[in-house]
């Protein structure tokens, strides 16, 4: 009898999956089309197709409200395995402990971490014609011209918001913060001369850096990036300043364990295909993958680390 129970448990994901999919599956993206997360969704949608028993994955961009429009959409969808969302790990980990943050849902209660997907290097970029080329020069200019510079962010409580607020606090400078619906609109505004600075995902800004339309000022990683080895690190000027961006997938709380196991297994399969790994490495994405439990633990560790930064730098939604 015990063997039969174990066999049934092993087969549950397959029964929950292709044979249990009765309509097209939604894959929600919390950012505007054209950026890193949108591309990640398209790669997953293409790779997951054979697991759907003839159904499709429909990628649905639901940007805004610091990614919480998308988070609320998946949280309130039927918990029947037919709706998933990509998510910013930074928002999931820090929004609940960010003073002043208004959330339409409690992500800890309303969402199930499904799988940790990728981490992406971040680089501070600005206009090529700006009166500074290095981070020390930027800081000096901002101190001499308080409030003259602006810096973009793509979601309250997310990495771009926290990195921008942390930079202002650690450097002792004041800048206007502008909210965007994703990295692509922010970069286009800088290229057009309408904005000054943004902590960008490297894959999104690298082509513009190489063609001279953006200037790379400094990376937030703990070592220089081989794609731009001449670009220094923020921590070389502001010791201890480190932070990259991570993304994963979530489902509505209450989704049956069989569905969680099915989607976790299928997504890990796609991410570990040699051709997909090669494509992601070419995009400068760092693959993570793993179990739902490992993803939840990573989010809690990130909350512990950034919670300390938020307290020390007195970061809030209002500041």
Protein backbone atom coordinates (compact mmCIF):
# COMPACT_ATOMS: atom_id res chain seq x y z
CA UNK A 1 0.00 0.00 0.00
CA UNK A 2 2.80 2.44 0.89
CA UNK A 3 4.39 1.83 -2.52
CA UNK A 4 1.10 2.63 -4.21
CA UNK A 5 0.77 5.87 -2.26
CA UNK A 6 4.32 6.92 -3.18
CA UNK A 7 3.74 6.08 -6.84
CA UNK A 8 0.54 8.12 -6.84
CA UNK A 9 2.38 11.07 -5.29
CA UNK A 10 5.04 10.89 -8.01
CA UNK A 11 2.41 10.80 -10.74
CA UNK A 12 0.37 13.71 -9.36
CA UNK A 13 2.31 16.43 -11.23
CA UNK A 14 1.67 14.77 -14.61
CA UNK A 15 -2.03 14.31 -13.88
CA UNK A 16 -2.25 17.92 -12.74
CA UNK A 17 -0.39 19.09 -15.81
CA UNK A 18 -1.03 18.38 -19.47
CA UNK A 19 -4.05 16.16 -18.79
CA UNK A 20 -5.52 18.69 -16.37
CA UNK A 21 -5.03 21.83 -18.50
CA UNK A 22 -8.48 22.70 -19.81
CA UNK A 23 -7.79 26.15 -21.30
CA UNK A 24 -4.92 28.44 -22.26
CA UNK A 25 -2.55 29.36 -19.43
CA UNK A 26 -1.88 32.99 -18.47
CA UNK A 27 1.71 34.07 -17.84
CA UNK A 28 1.53 37.58 -16.42
CA UNK A 29 4.45 40.00 -16.77
CA UNK A 30 4.58 42.88 -14.26
CA UNK A 31 6.41 45.23 -16.64
CA UNK A 32 5.91 46.85 -20.02
CA UNK A 33 6.83 44.90 -23.18
CA UNK A 34 10.39 44.95 -24.44
CA UNK A 35 12.44 44.52 -21.27
CA UNK A 36 14.28 41.66 -19.59
CA UNK A 37 11.27 40.21 -17.77
CA UNK A 38 9.11 40.34 -20.89
CA UNK A 39 11.82 38.46 -22.82
CA UNK A 40 12.10 35.90 -20.02
CA UNK A 41 8.35 35.32 -20.25
CA UNK A 42 8.53 34.79 -24.01
CA UNK A 43 11.36 32.27 -23.62
CA UNK A 44 9.38 30.38 -20.99
CA UNK A 45 6.16 30.47 -23.00
CA UNK A 46 7.91 29.01 -26.03
CA UNK A 47 9.70 26.34 -24.00
CA UNK A 48 6.66 25.28 -21.99
CA UNK A 49 4.44 24.78 -25.04
CA UNK A 50 4.99 21.00 -25.38
CA UNK A 51 3.87 20.46 -21.75
CA UNK A 52 0.44 21.99 -22.30
CA UNK A 53 -1.36 19.22 -24.16
CA UNK A 54 -2.21 21.41 -27.16
CA UNK A 55 -3.06 24.54 -25.15
CA UNK A 56 -1.11 27.81 -25.29
CA UNK A 57 0.62 30.09 -22.80
CA UNK A 58 -0.66 33.63 -23.26
CA UNK A 59 1.83 36.28 -22.12
CA UNK A 60 -0.04 39.20 -20.56
CA UNK A 61 1.77 42.45 -19.69
CA UNK A 62 0.20 44.08 -16.61
CA UNK A 63 2.57 46.86 -15.57
CA UNK A 64 2.10 49.53 -12.93
CA UNK A 65 1.66 50.07 -9.18
CA UNK A 66 5.18 48.88 -8.43
CA UNK A 67 4.38 45.49 -10.06
CA UNK A 68 1.37 44.99 -7.77
CA UNK A 69 -1.15 45.20 -10.61
CA UNK A 70 0.32 41.93 -11.88
CA UNK A 71 0.70 40.47 -8.39
CA UNK A 72 -2.95 41.22 -7.61
CA UNK A 73 -4.04 39.74 -10.95
CA UNK A 74 -2.42 36.39 -10.25
CA UNK A 75 -3.38 36.40 -6.56
CA UNK A 76 -7.09 36.85 -7.39
CA UNK A 77 -7.11 34.42 -10.33
CA UNK A 78 -8.66 30.98 -9.79
CA UNK A 79 -6.11 28.83 -7.93
CA UNK A 80 -6.44 26.05 -10.49
CA UNK A 81 -2.98 26.02 -12.05
CA UNK A 82 -3.89 28.08 -15.12
CA UNK A 83 -2.38 31.45 -14.06
CA UNK A 84 1.25 32.24 -13.25
CA UNK A 85 3.15 35.50 -12.93
CA UNK A 86 6.75 36.49 -13.11
CA UNK A 87 7.77 38.58 -10.12
CA UNK A 88 10.49 40.88 -8.92
CA UNK A 89 12.26 39.17 -6.02
CA UNK A 90 13.03 42.60 -4.59
CA UNK A 91 9.37 43.56 -4.40
CA UNK A 92 8.37 40.24 -2.83
CA UNK A 93 11.11 40.46 -0.24
CA UNK A 94 11.17 44.16 0.67
CA UNK A 95 7.71 45.65 0.01
CA UNK A 96 6.21 44.16 3.21
CA UNK A 97 8.93 45.83 5.34
CA UNK A 98 9.18 49.14 3.48
CA UNK A 99 7.69 51.99 5.56
CA UNK A 100 4.76 53.69 3.86
CA UNK A 101 4.30 50.97 1.24
CA UNK A 102 0.64 50.56 0.29
CA UNK A 103 -0.01 47.07 -1.10
CA UNK A 104 -3.31 45.86 -2.57
CA UNK A 105 -2.39 42.35 -1.40
CA UNK A 106 -0.12 40.83 1.21
CA UNK A 107 2.38 38.89 -0.95
CA UNK A 108 3.30 36.60 1.94
CA UNK A 109 -0.31 35.44 2.26
CA UNK A 110 -1.69 35.86 -1.25
CA UNK A 111 1.11 34.34 -3.33
CA UNK A 112 3.00 31.04 -3.53
CA UNK A 113 6.67 31.24 -4.55
CA UNK A 114 7.02 28.79 -7.43
CA UNK A 115 10.61 28.95 -8.68
CA UNK A 116 13.54 31.36 -8.51
CA UNK A 117 14.60 32.00 -12.10
CA UNK A 118 17.42 34.46 -12.74
CA UNK A 119 19.60 37.18 -11.29
CA UNK A 120 20.77 40.08 -13.46
CA UNK A 121 23.72 42.49 -13.01
CA UNK A 122 22.80 46.16 -12.53
CA UNK A 123 24.71 49.18 -13.84
CA UNK A 124 24.12 52.86 -13.12
CA UNK A 125 23.75 54.66 -16.46
CA UNK A 126 23.37 58.27 -17.53
CA UNK A 127 23.56 60.62 -20.48
CA UNK A 128 26.83 60.65 -22.44
CA UNK A 129 26.80 64.46 -22.44
CA UNK A 130 26.36 64.84 -18.68
CA UNK A 131 28.92 67.03 -16.84
CA UNK A 132 30.32 63.96 -15.06
CA UNK A 133 31.74 60.64 -16.19
CA UNK A 134 32.48 58.86 -12.90
CA UNK A 135 30.56 58.24 -9.70
CA UNK A 136 32.75 60.58 -7.60
CA UNK A 137 32.19 63.32 -10.20
CA UNK A 138 28.44 62.60 -10.18
CA UNK A 139 28.33 62.91 -6.39
CA UNK A 140 30.31 66.17 -6.48
CA UNK A 141 28.00 67.59 -9.15
CA UNK A 142 24.87 66.58 -7.23
CA UNK A 143 26.18 68.21 -4.05
CA UNK A 144 26.96 71.40 -5.93
CA UNK A 145 23.56 71.33 -7.64
CA UNK A 146 21.08 69.89 -5.10
CA UNK A 147 17.87 68.64 -6.72
CA UNK A 148 19.16 69.31 -10.24
CA UNK A 149 19.51 65.63 -11.17
CA UNK A 150 16.76 63.04 -11.39
CA UNK A 151 16.92 59.26 -11.17
CA UNK A 152 14.37 56.74 -12.40
CA UNK A 153 12.83 53.79 -10.60
CA UNK A 154 10.55 51.06 -11.95
CA UNK A 155 8.49 50.11 -8.92
CA UNK A 156 8.10 51.26 -5.32
CA UNK A 157 9.85 48.77 -3.07
CA UNK A 158 11.73 47.22 -5.98
CA UNK A 159 15.46 47.14 -6.58
CA UNK A 160 15.63 50.29 -8.71
CA UNK A 161 13.79 52.28 -6.02
CA UNK A 162 15.92 50.94 -3.18
CA UNK A 163 19.20 51.36 -5.06
CA UNK A 164 18.34 54.96 -5.95
CA UNK A 165 17.32 55.81 -2.37
CA UNK A 166 20.39 54.04 -0.99
CA UNK A 167 22.68 55.97 -3.36
CA UNK A 168 21.25 59.30 -2.25
CA UNK A 169 21.58 58.37 1.42
CA UNK A 170 25.09 56.93 1.26
CA UNK A 171 26.43 59.70 -0.97
CA UNK A 172 24.63 62.47 0.90
CA UNK A 173 22.97 63.87 -2.22
CA UNK A 174 19.43 64.84 -3.24
CA UNK A 175 17.84 63.88 -6.57
CA UNK A 176 14.30 63.86 -7.88
CA UNK A 177 12.95 60.31 -8.24
CA UNK A 178 10.83 59.50 -11.30
CA UNK A 179 8.68 56.37 -11.55
CA UNK A 180 8.53 54.35 -14.78
CA UNK A 181 6.67 51.22 -15.85
CA UNK A 182 9.90 49.38 -16.60
CA UNK A 183 13.51 49.74 -17.60
CA UNK A 184 12.87 50.33 -21.30
CA UNK A 185 10.84 53.55 -20.84
CA UNK A 186 13.42 54.85 -18.34
CA UNK A 187 16.34 54.24 -20.71
CA UNK A 188 14.52 55.81 -23.64
CA UNK A 189 13.92 58.92 -21.53
CA UNK A 190 17.64 59.18 -20.74
CA UNK A 191 18.57 58.65 -24.39
CA UNK A 192 16.11 61.39 -25.35
CA UNK A 193 17.67 63.76 -22.81
CA UNK A 194 14.58 63.88 -20.58
CA UNK A 195 16.08 62.02 -17.61
CA UNK A 196 19.50 61.75 -16.01
CA UNK A 197 20.17 58.45 -14.25
CA UNK A 198 18.86 54.92 -13.85
CA UNK A 199 20.03 51.68 -12.22
CA UNK A 200 19.60 49.52 -15.30
CA UNK A 201 19.63 45.81 -15.91
CA UNK A 202 22.79 45.22 -17.93
CA UNK A 203 21.09 43.37 -20.83
CA UNK A 204 18.71 46.28 -21.38
CA UNK A 205 21.32 49.03 -21.41
CA UNK A 206 24.36 47.24 -22.88
CA UNK A 207 23.48 47.80 -26.57
CA UNK A 208 22.93 51.52 -25.90
CA UNK A 209 26.16 51.75 -23.92
CA UNK A 210 28.09 50.14 -26.75
CA UNK A 211 26.60 52.46 -29.38
CA UNK A 212 27.34 55.52 -27.26
CA UNK A 213 23.78 56.57 -26.43
CA UNK A 214 24.21 55.79 -22.73
CA UNK A 215 27.17 56.09 -20.38
CA UNK A 216 27.91 53.30 -17.91
CA UNK A 217 28.96 54.91 -14.63
CA UNK A 218 29.31 52.01 -12.17
CA UNK A 219 28.13 48.45 -11.46
CA UNK A 220 26.41 47.48 -8.22
CA UNK A 221 28.01 44.01 -8.26
CA UNK A 222 30.95 42.93 -6.08
CA UNK A 223 33.30 42.43 -9.03
CA UNK A 224 33.76 44.03 -12.42
CA UNK A 225 31.71 42.69 -15.29
CA UNK A 226 33.53 41.06 -18.23
CA UNK A 227 31.11 42.69 -20.67
CA UNK A 228 32.36 46.14 -19.59
CA UNK A 229 35.59 45.49 -17.65
CA UNK A 230 36.61 49.15 -17.69
CA UNK A 231 33.48 50.23 -15.75
CA UNK A 232 34.16 50.50 -11.99
CA UNK A 233 31.98 49.40 -9.09
CA UNK A 234 29.79 51.57 -6.89
CA UNK A 235 31.43 49.93 -3.88
CA UNK A 236 34.80 51.30 -4.96
CA UNK A 237 33.41 54.74 -4.08
CA UNK A 238 30.74 53.76 -1.52
CA UNK A 239 32.00 50.69 0.38
CA UNK A 240 29.46 47.93 0.93
CA UNK A 241 27.10 49.14 -1.80
CA UNK A 242 26.08 45.92 -3.57
CA UNK A 243 22.81 44.80 -5.16
CA UNK A 244 21.62 42.92 -8.22
CA UNK A 245 18.09 42.12 -9.42
CA UNK A 246 16.33 38.77 -9.31
CA UNK A 247 13.15 37.42 -10.84
CA UNK A 248 11.04 34.35 -10.18
CA UNK A 249 7.58 32.95 -10.77
CA UNK A 250 4.61 32.89 -8.40
CA UNK A 251 1.07 31.50 -8.26
CA UNK A 252 -2.01 32.22 -6.20
CA UNK A 253 -2.03 30.99 -2.62
CA UNK A 254 -4.23 27.95 -2.37
CA UNK A 255 -3.04 26.44 -5.63
CA UNK A 256 -2.97 22.65 -5.09
CA UNK A 257 0.51 21.20 -4.40
CA UNK A 258 0.27 19.00 -7.50
CA UNK A 259 0.07 22.07 -9.72
CA UNK A 260 2.95 23.75 -7.90
CA UNK A 261 5.07 20.63 -8.37
CA UNK A 262 4.09 20.39 -12.04
CA UNK A 263 4.97 23.96 -12.96
CA UNK A 264 8.15 23.96 -10.88
CA UNK A 265 9.35 20.82 -12.65
CA UNK A 266 8.42 22.02 -16.13
CA UNK A 267 9.97 25.47 -15.71
CA UNK A 268 13.19 23.96 -14.35
CA UNK A 269 13.29 21.65 -17.39
CA UNK A 270 13.01 24.60 -19.77
CA UNK A 271 15.61 26.67 -17.95
CA UNK A 272 18.11 23.82 -17.94
CA UNK A 273 17.91 23.01 -21.64
CA UNK A 274 21.38 23.62 -23.16
CA UNK A 275 20.07 25.97 -25.84
CA UNK A 276 18.11 28.01 -23.29
CA UNK A 277 21.07 28.19 -20.91
CA UNK A 278 23.31 29.37 -23.77
CA UNK A 279 20.82 32.05 -24.73
CA UNK A 280 20.47 33.30 -21.17
CA UNK A 281 24.22 33.38 -20.61
CA UNK A 282 24.57 35.43 -23.80
CA UNK A 283 22.04 37.84 -22.28
CA UNK A 284 24.19 38.10 -19.10
CA UNK A 285 21.50 36.46 -16.97
CA UNK A 286 22.63 34.31 -14.03
CA UNK A 287 20.48 31.17 -13.82
CA UNK A 288 19.14 30.09 -10.41
CA UNK A 289 16.23 27.58 -10.58
CA UNK A 290 15.42 25.20 -7.69
CA UNK A 291 12.48 24.28 -5.48
CA UNK A 292 9.64 26.44 -4.17
CA UNK A 293 11.09 26.04 -0.68
CA UNK A 294 14.50 27.29 -1.79
CA UNK A 295 12.86 30.27 -3.48
CA UNK A 296 10.93 31.21 -0.33
CA UNK A 297 14.12 30.92 1.75
CA UNK A 298 16.01 33.16 -0.70
CA UNK A 299 13.28 35.80 -0.49
CA UNK A 300 13.40 35.79 3.30
CA UNK A 301 17.20 36.13 3.29
CA UNK A 302 16.94 39.04 0.86
CA UNK A 303 14.34 40.62 3.16
CA UNK A 304 16.74 40.28 6.10
CA UNK A 305 19.58 41.96 4.20
CA UNK A 306 17.59 44.76 2.60
CA UNK A 307 15.51 45.28 5.73
CA UNK A 308 18.73 46.33 7.44
CA UNK A 309 19.57 48.69 4.59
CA UNK A 310 16.07 50.20 4.66
CA UNK A 311 16.34 50.87 8.39
CA UNK A 312 19.89 52.25 8.25
CA UNK A 313 19.20 54.50 5.26
CA UNK A 314 15.69 55.42 6.51
CA UNK A 315 14.22 54.51 3.14
CA UNK A 316 10.47 54.82 2.72
CA UNK A 317 7.97 55.17 -0.10
CA UNK A 318 7.82 58.87 0.66
CA UNK A 319 11.61 59.20 0.61
